[in-house]
C-alpha atoms as a PDB file:
ATOM      1  CA  HIS A   1     145.679-147.722 -13.433  1.00  0.00           C
ATOM      2  CA  ARG A   2     148.693-149.441 -12.587  1.00  0.00           C
ATOM      3  CA  VAL A   3     150.854-152.359 -14.430  1.00  0.00           C
ATOM      4  CA  GLN A   4     153.303-154.209 -12.978  1.00  0.00           C
ATOM      5  CA  LEU A   5     155.429-155.546 -16.040  1.00  0.00           C
ATOM      6  CA  SER A   6     158.305-157.364 -14.119  1.00  0.00           C
ATOM      7  CA  ASP A   7     158.747-159.478 -10.799  1.00  0.00           C
ATOM      8  CA  THR A   8     158.431-157.322  -8.135  1.00  0.00           C
ATOM      9  CA  ARG A   9     161.385-158.875  -6.543  1.00  0.00           C
ATOM     10  CA  THR A  10     163.590-158.094  -9.119  1.00  0.00           C
ATOM     11  CA  PRO A  11     161.865-154.950 -11.059  1.00  0.00           C
ATOM     12  CA  ALA A  12     163.537-154.072 -14.454  1.00  0.00           C
ATOM     13  CA  ALA A  13     163.812-150.614 -15.538  1.00  0.00           C
ATOM     14  CA  LEU A  14     161.243-149.250 -18.356  1.00  0.00           C
ATOM     15  CA  PHE A  15     162.796-146.753 -20.653  1.00  0.00           C
ATOM     16  CA  SER A  16     160.214-146.093 -23.157  1.00  0.00           C
ATOM     17  CA  VAL A  17     156.200-146.340 -23.634  1.00  0.00           C
ATOM     18  CA  HIS A  18     154.319-145.820 -26.810  1.00  0.00           C
ATOM     19  CA  TRP A  19     150.620-146.054 -28.395  1.00  0.00           C
ATOM     20  CA  GLY A  20     149.855-148.259 -31.175  1.00  0.00           C
ATOM     21  CA  ALA A  21     146.726-148.911 -33.504  1.00  0.00           C
ATOM     22  CA  HIS A  22     143.836-150.350 -31.357  1.00  0.00           C
ATOM     23  CA  GLY A  23     144.979-148.498 -28.749  1.00  0.00           C
ATOM     24  CA  LEU A  24     148.064-150.906 -28.280  1.00  0.00           C
ATOM     25  CA  ILE A  25     150.900-150.091 -25.631  1.00  0.00           C
ATOM     26  CA  THR A  26     154.556-151.042 -26.089  1.00  0.00           C
ATOM     27  CA  ALA A  27     157.154-150.808 -23.079  1.00  0.00           C
ATOM     28  CA  ALA A  28     160.836-151.408 -23.594  1.00  0.00           C
ATOM     29  CA  GLY A  29     162.873-152.105 -20.319  1.00  0.00           C
ATOM     30  CA  HIS A  30     166.275-153.333 -19.047  1.00  0.00           C
ATOM     31  CA  ASP A  31     165.340-156.861 -18.910  1.00  0.00           C
ATOM     32  CA  GLY A  32     165.503-156.818 -22.688  1.00  0.00           C
ATOM     33  CA  ILE A  33     161.767-157.371 -22.631  1.00  0.00           C
ATOM     34  CA  VAL A  34     159.402-154.981 -25.063  1.00  0.00           C
ATOM     35  CA  HIS A  35     155.794-155.702 -23.801  1.00  0.00           C
ATOM     36  CA  VAL A  36     152.748-155.253 -26.061  1.00  0.00           C
ATOM     37  CA  LEU A  37     149.625-154.228 -24.009  1.00  0.00           C
ATOM     38  CA  SER A  38     146.162-153.699 -24.832  1.00  0.00           C
ATOM     39  CA  SER A  39     144.619-150.547 -23.777  1.00  0.00           C
ATOM     40  CA  GLU A  40     143.567-151.829 -20.257  1.00  0.00           C
ATOM     41  CA  GLY A  41     147.102-153.015 -19.425  1.00  0.00           C
ATOM     42  CA  GLN A  42     146.674-156.908 -20.321  1.00  0.00           C
ATOM     43  CA  PRO A  43     149.584-158.286 -21.810  1.00  0.00           C
ATOM     44  CA  LEU A  44     149.328-159.674 -25.153  1.00  0.00           C
ATOM     45  CA  VAL A  45     152.719-160.181 -26.558  1.00  0.00           C
ATOM     46  CA  TYR A  46     156.157-159.880 -25.566  1.00  0.00           C
ATOM     47  CA  MET A  47     159.759-159.790 -27.539  1.00  0.00           C
ATOM     48  CA  LYS A  48     162.669-160.965 -25.665  1.00  0.00           C
ATOM     49  CA  HIS A  49     166.145-159.101 -26.559  1.00  0.00           C
ATOM     50  CA  PRO A  50     169.401-160.517 -25.346  1.00  0.00           C
ATOM     51  CA  MET A  51     170.269-157.283 -23.595  1.00  0.00           C
ATOM     52  CA  PRO A  52     168.826-154.398 -22.320  1.00  0.00           C
ATOM     53  CA  CYS A  53     166.015-152.780 -24.925  1.00  0.00           C
ATOM     54  CA  TYR A  54     165.736-149.225 -24.786  1.00  0.00           C
ATOM     55  CA  ASP A  55     162.957-148.401 -27.441  1.00  0.00           C
ATOM     56  CA  ALA A  56     159.891-149.913 -29.675  1.00  0.00           C
ATOM     57  CA  ASN A  57     158.412-147.784 -32.159  1.00  0.00           C
ATOM     58  CA  TRP A  58     155.101-148.762 -33.904  1.00  0.00           C
ATOM     59  CA  HIS A  59     155.074-148.183 -37.393  1.00  0.00           C
ATOM     60  CA  PRO A  60     152.849-145.365 -38.575  1.00  0.00           C
ATOM     61  CA  THR A  61     150.515-146.979 -41.259  1.00  0.00           C
ATOM     62  CA  ASP A  62     151.501-150.613 -40.722  1.00  0.00           C
ATOM     63  CA  PRO A  63     149.934-151.381 -37.261  1.00  0.00           C
ATOM     64  CA  ASN A  64     151.835-154.767 -37.317  1.00  0.00           C
ATOM     65  CA  LEU A  65     155.101-153.609 -37.898  1.00  0.00           C
ATOM     66  CA  LEU A  66     157.329-152.779 -34.446  1.00  0.00           C
ATOM     67  CA  ALA A  67     161.146-151.199 -34.378  1.00  0.00           C
ATOM     68  CA  THR A  68     163.120-151.950 -31.583  1.00  0.00           C
ATOM     69  CA  SER A  69     166.603-150.704 -30.142  1.00  0.00           C
ATOM     70  CA  CYS A  70     168.898-152.704 -27.867  1.00  0.00           C
ATOM     71  CA  ALA A  71     172.115-152.697 -26.435  1.00  0.00           C
ATOM     72  CA  ASP A  72     173.342-155.406 -28.331  1.00  0.00           C
ATOM     73  CA  LYS A  73     174.108-152.944 -31.264  1.00  0.00           C
ATOM     74  CA  LEU A  74     171.139-154.062 -33.301  1.00  0.00           C
ATOM     75  CA  VAL A  75     167.973-152.436 -34.402  1.00  0.00           C
ATOM     76  CA  ARG A  76     165.297-155.199 -34.857  1.00  0.00           C
ATOM     77  CA  ILE A  77     162.149-155.347 -37.243  1.00  0.00           C
ATOM     78  CA  TRP A  78     159.203-157.286 -35.685  1.00  0.00           C
ATOM     79  CA  HIS A  79     156.157-158.523 -37.673  1.00  0.00           C
ATOM     80  CA  MET A  80     152.987-159.044 -35.553  1.00  0.00           C
ATOM     81  CA  LYS A  81     150.424-162.284 -35.769  1.00  0.00           C
ATOM     82  CA  THR A  82     147.103-160.985 -35.304  1.00  0.00           C
ATOM     83  CA  ASP A  83     143.885-162.751 -34.416  1.00  0.00           C
ATOM     84  CA  GLY A  84     140.448-161.926 -35.803  1.00  0.00           C
ATOM     85  CA  SER A  85     140.081-158.442 -33.944  1.00  0.00           C
ATOM     86  CA  GLY A  86     143.616-157.175 -35.339  1.00  0.00           C
ATOM     87  CA  LEU A  87     145.118-157.832 -31.767  1.00  0.00           C
ATOM     88  CA  PRO A  88     148.681-159.208 -31.988  1.00  0.00           C
ATOM     89  CA  ARG A  89     149.018-162.727 -30.246  1.00  0.00           C
ATOM     90  CA  GLY A  90     152.851-163.469 -31.765  1.00  0.00           C
ATOM     91  CA  THR A  91     155.634-162.645 -33.762  1.00  0.00           C
ATOM     92  CA  SER A  92     156.210-163.947 -37.453  1.00  0.00           C
ATOM     93  CA  ALA A  93     159.510-162.584 -38.046  1.00  0.00           C
ATOM     94  CA  GLU A  94     162.165-161.009 -36.503  1.00  0.00           C
ATOM     95  CA  VAL A  95     164.777-158.939 -38.960  1.00  0.00           C
ATOM     96  CA  LYS A  96     168.029-157.735 -37.508  1.00  0.00           C
ATOM     97  CA  LEU A  97     169.793-154.592 -38.770  1.00  0.00           C
ATOM     98  CA  SER A  98     173.462-154.164 -37.760  1.00  0.00           C
ATOM     99  CA  GLY A  99     175.887-151.243 -38.466  1.00  0.00           C
ATOM    100  CA  HIS A 100     175.986-149.422 -35.543  1.00  0.00           C
ATOM    101  CA  THR A 101     178.913-150.322 -33.260  1.00  0.00           C
ATOM    102  CA  GLN A 102     177.690-149.346 -29.515  1.00  0.00           C
ATOM    103  CA  LYS A 103     174.060-149.651 -27.844  1.00  0.00           C
ATOM    104  CA  VAL A 104     171.172-148.233 -29.763  1.00  0.00           C
ATOM    105  CA  PHE A 105     169.171-146.243 -27.891  1.00  0.00           C
ATOM    106  CA  GLY A 106     166.058-144.734 -30.230  1.00  0.00           C
ATOM    107  CA  VAL A 107     164.426-145.899 -33.259  1.00  0.00           C
ATOM    108  CA  LEU A 108     162.023-143.830 -35.235  1.00  0.00           C
ATOM    109  CA  TRP A 109     159.907-144.808 -38.277  1.00  0.00           C
ATOM    110  CA  SER A 110     159.596-141.973 -41.000  1.00  0.00           C
ATOM    111  CA  PRO A 111     156.122-140.775 -41.335  1.00  0.00           C
ATOM    112  CA  LEU A 112     156.263-140.410 -45.309  1.00  0.00           C
ATOM    113  CA  LEU A 113     158.522-142.799 -46.470  1.00  0.00           C
ATOM    114  CA  PRO A 114     157.044-146.490 -45.306  1.00  0.00           C
ATOM    115  CA  ASP A 115     160.656-148.303 -45.383  1.00  0.00           C
ATOM    116  CA  VAL A 116     162.699-145.700 -43.957  1.00  0.00           C
ATOM    117  CA  LEU A 117     163.893-145.902 -40.109  1.00  0.00           C
ATOM    118  CA  LEU A 118     165.957-143.764 -38.026  1.00  0.00           C
ATOM    119  CA  SER A 119     168.155-144.846 -35.267  1.00  0.00           C
ATOM    120  CA  GLY A 120     170.668-143.132 -32.692  1.00  0.00           C
ATOM    121  CA  SER A 121     173.476-144.811 -30.915  1.00  0.00           C
ATOM    122  CA  ASP A 122     176.434-144.201 -27.927  1.00  0.00           C
ATOM    123  CA  ASP A 123     178.642-144.716 -31.364  1.00  0.00           C
ATOM    124  CA  THR A 124     177.545-141.005 -31.735  1.00  0.00           C
ATOM    125  CA  THR A 125     176.156-141.789 -35.174  1.00  0.00           C
ATOM    126  CA  VAL A 126     172.737-141.728 -36.727  1.00  0.00           C
ATOM    127  CA  ARG A 127     171.501-144.061 -38.961  1.00  0.00           C
ATOM    128  CA  VAL A 128     168.881-143.968 -41.694  1.00  0.00           C
ATOM    129  CA  TRP A 129     167.936-147.465 -42.685  1.00  0.00           C
ATOM    130  CA  ASP A 130     166.325-148.740 -45.893  1.00  0.00           C
ATOM    131  CA  THR A 131     164.089-151.487 -44.231  1.00  0.00           C
ATOM    132  CA  ARG A 132     163.209-153.151 -47.423  1.00  0.00           C
ATOM    133  CA  ALA A 133     166.802-153.056 -48.838  1.00  0.00           C
ATOM    134  CA  LYS A 134     168.574-153.704 -45.389  1.00  0.00           C
ATOM    135  CA  THR A 135     171.164-150.813 -46.020  1.00  0.00           C
ATOM    136  CA  ASN A 136     171.892-147.866 -44.049  1.00  0.00           C
ATOM    137  CA  ARG A 137     173.714-144.698 -44.314  1.00  0.00           C
ATOM    138  CA  ALA A 138     175.278-142.864 -41.196  1.00  0.00           C
ATOM    139  CA  LEU A 139     174.954-138.952 -40.226  1.00  0.00           C
ATOM    140  CA  LEU A 140     178.161-138.307 -38.632  1.00  0.00           C
ATOM    141  CA  GLY A 141     178.719-135.074 -36.480  1.00  0.00           C
ATOM    142  CA  HIS A 142     177.826-135.604 -33.079  1.00  0.00           C
ATOM    143  CA  THR A 143     180.365-136.347 -30.599  1.00  0.00           C
ATOM    144  CA  LYS A 144     178.493-138.064 -27.886  1.00  0.00           C
ATOM    145  CA  ASN A 145     175.924-140.347 -27.461  1.00  0.00           C
ATOM    146  CA  VAL A 146     172.899-139.712 -29.484  1.00  0.00           C
ATOM    147  CA  ARG A 147     169.600-139.711 -27.472  1.00  0.00           C
ATOM    148  CA  ALA A 148     167.075-137.723 -29.118  1.00  0.00           C
ATOM    149  CA  LEU A 149     165.713-138.426 -32.765  1.00  0.00           C
ATOM    150  CA  HIS A 150     162.791-136.675 -34.671  1.00  0.00           C
ATOM    151  CA  TRP A 151     161.454-136.491 -38.482  1.00  0.00           C
ATOM    152  CA  SER A 152     159.860-133.475 -40.168  1.00  0.00           C
ATOM    153  CA  PHE A 153     156.099-134.724 -40.784  1.00  0.00           C
ATOM    154  CA  GLU A 154     156.209-132.006 -44.246  1.00  0.00           C
ATOM    155  CA  VAL A 155     159.525-132.924 -45.544  1.00  0.00           C
ATOM    156  CA  PRO A 156     160.356-136.216 -46.207  1.00  0.00           C
ATOM    157  CA  TRP A 157     164.062-136.309 -45.836  1.00  0.00           C
ATOM    158  CA  LEU A 158     164.412-133.896 -43.150  1.00  0.00           C
ATOM    159  CA  ALA A 159     165.210-135.286 -39.846  1.00  0.00           C
ATOM    160  CA  PHE A 160     166.395-134.027 -36.392  1.00  0.00           C
ATOM    161  CA  SER A 161     168.983-135.504 -33.735  1.00  0.00           C
ATOM    162  CA  GLY A 162     170.054-134.476 -30.246  1.00  0.00           C
ATOM    163  CA  SER A 163     173.072-135.561 -28.502  1.00  0.00           C
ATOM    164  CA  TRP A 164     175.092-135.534 -25.253  1.00  0.00           C
ATOM    165  CA  ASP A 165     177.138-133.131 -26.568  1.00  0.00           C
ATOM    166  CA  GLY A 166     174.617-130.361 -26.144  1.00  0.00           C
ATOM    167  CA  THR A 167     173.686-129.838 -29.833  1.00  0.00           C
ATOM    168  CA  ILE A 168     170.732-130.573 -32.151  1.00  0.00           C
ATOM    169  CA  ARG A 169     171.413-131.271 -35.927  1.00  0.00           C
ATOM    170  CA  VAL A 170     169.230-130.947 -38.878  1.00  0.00           C
ATOM    171  CA  TRP A 171     170.084-132.988 -41.128  1.00  0.00           C
ATOM    172  CA  ASP A 172     169.307-133.764 -45.024  1.00  0.00           C
ATOM    173  CA  THR A 173     169.118-137.521 -45.060  1.00  0.00           C
ATOM    174  CA  ARG A 174     169.742-137.233 -49.082  1.00  0.00           C
ATOM    175  CA  SER A 175     173.076-136.208 -49.033  1.00  0.00           C
ATOM    176  CA  CYS A 176     173.543-137.325 -44.905  1.00  0.00           C
ATOM    177  CA  THR A 177     174.769-133.740 -44.233  1.00  0.00           C
ATOM    178  CA  ALA A 178     173.910-131.196 -41.604  1.00  0.00           C
ATOM    179  CA  VAL A 179     171.975-128.581 -42.838  1.00  0.00           C
ATOM    180  CA  ALA A 180     172.052-126.592 -39.372  1.00  0.00           C
ATOM    181  CA  VAL A 181     173.568-127.254 -35.854  1.00  0.00           C
ATOM    182  CA  LEU A 182     171.607-125.808 -32.788  1.00  0.00           C
ATOM    183  CA  THR A 183     174.086-125.189 -30.121  1.00  0.00           C
ATOM    184  CA  ASP A 184     172.070-123.140 -27.317  1.00  0.00           C
ATOM    185  CA  HIS A 185     171.627-126.119 -24.877  1.00  0.00           C
ATOM    186  CA  HIS A 186     174.549-126.526 -22.304  1.00  0.00           C
ATOM    187  CA  ALA A 187     174.096-130.246 -21.575  1.00  0.00           C
ATOM    188  CA  ASP A 188     172.529-133.383 -23.325  1.00  0.00           C
ATOM    189  CA  VAL A 189     169.516-133.060 -25.374  1.00  0.00           C
ATOM    190  CA  TYR A 190     166.742-135.961 -24.753  1.00  0.00           C
ATOM    191  CA  ALA A 191     163.823-134.883 -26.683  1.00  0.00           C
ATOM    192  CA  ILE A 192     162.817-132.759 -29.952  1.00  0.00           C
ATOM    193  CA  VAL A 193     159.353-132.541 -31.266  1.00  0.00           C
ATOM    194  CA  SER A 194     157.536-130.424 -34.243  1.00  0.00           C
ATOM    195  CA  HIS A 195     154.518-128.075 -33.542  1.00  0.00           C
ATOM    196  CA  PRO A 196     151.400-129.931 -34.656  1.00  0.00           C
ATOM    197  CA  SER A 197     150.508-127.579 -37.372  1.00  0.00           C
ATOM    198  CA  ARG A 198     153.727-125.334 -37.774  1.00  0.00           C
ATOM    199  CA  PRO A 199     156.464-127.685 -38.847  1.00  0.00           C
ATOM    200  CA  ALA A 200     159.208-125.166 -38.706  1.00  0.00           C
ATOM    201  CA  VAL A 201     158.680-124.609 -35.034  1.00  0.00           C
ATOM    202  CA  LEU A 202     160.692-127.048 -32.630  1.00  0.00           C
ATOM    203  CA  LEU A 203     160.621-127.679 -29.098  1.00  0.00           C
ATOM    204  CA  SER A 204     163.577-129.608 -27.353  1.00  0.00           C
ATOM    205  CA  THR A 205     164.496-130.693 -23.958  1.00  0.00           C
ATOM    206  CA  SER A 206     167.850-131.007 -22.163  1.00  0.00           C
ATOM    207  CA  ARG A 207     169.645-132.014 -18.954  1.00  0.00           C
ATOM    208  CA  ASP A 208     170.326-128.192 -18.567  1.00  0.00           C
ATOM    209  CA  THR A 209     166.818-127.917 -17.451  1.00  0.00           C
ATOM    210  CA  THR A 210     165.494-125.868 -20.140  1.00  0.00           C
ATOM    211  CA  ILE A 211     162.604-126.341 -22.576  1.00  0.00           C
ATOM    212  CA  ARG A 212     163.725-124.243 -25.832  1.00  0.00           C
ATOM    213  CA  THR A 213     161.464-123.048 -28.876  1.00  0.00           C
ATOM    214  CA  TRP A 214     163.151-123.350 -32.127  1.00  0.00           C
ATOM    215  CA  SER A 215     161.555-121.105 -35.067  1.00  0.00           C
ATOM    216  CA  LEU A 216     163.793-122.487 -38.367  1.00  0.00           C
ATOM    217  CA  SER A 217     161.476-121.086 -41.229  1.00  0.00           C
ATOM    218  CA  GLU A 218     164.443-119.059 -42.325  1.00  0.00           C
ATOM    219  CA  MET A 219     166.992-121.487 -42.355  1.00  0.00           C
ATOM    220  CA  LEU A 220     164.711-124.007 -44.250  1.00  0.00           C
ATOM    221  CA  SER A 221     163.761-121.657 -46.653  1.00  0.00           C
ATOM    222  CA  ALA A 222     167.237-121.178 -47.912  1.00  0.00           C
ATOM    223  CA  VAL A 223     167.609-124.676 -47.655  1.00  0.00           C
ATOM    224  CA  PHE A 224     164.646-125.215 -50.060  1.00  0.00           C
ATOM    225  CA  LEU A 225     165.961-122.729 -52.371  1.00  0.00           C
END
């Protein structure tokens, strides 16, 4: 099944796609539009940004909450208006979170802390947002654009990021410190995921053409002591 989201005469690149509740799909693109589609590909709602939008991440427990990242340096939180069937028919609010100094590429809700959001930027920082208080803390250490973001689904304060500097950083978000820096990749790191039943086992992908497996059990055991 194929869905064309932009005018075929002036097609816009799409940078991310995510599943949400009720089988909903989001797609974020270079034209600054985030599309919300039904599972059959029917357009339901769109959110316009002033510059290219790179990511749109559904909240893990609130099906009407969506975070987006944009080249205008802002993270946005969107609240969906829904109909009787629970499908979105519009947006009721837009909250803008400022703190990054260059384009924001990725956003990721915490799976364990309902008001906490992670973002990564070309300003080389990862930021941890308290969306209720509208505050943020910077995780400093990367030297180039941040691309990969990942939360532990077992430890609420543990997060991971990957960068064009070729490193993966393992963060304690309570103290904003890196508890480990993984340096085996030789180029940009674009994705990090945990094993579904072994949270100390990670996979990462890189422009160096490799997929790498990481076992962090010993390192994390030392952190928890």
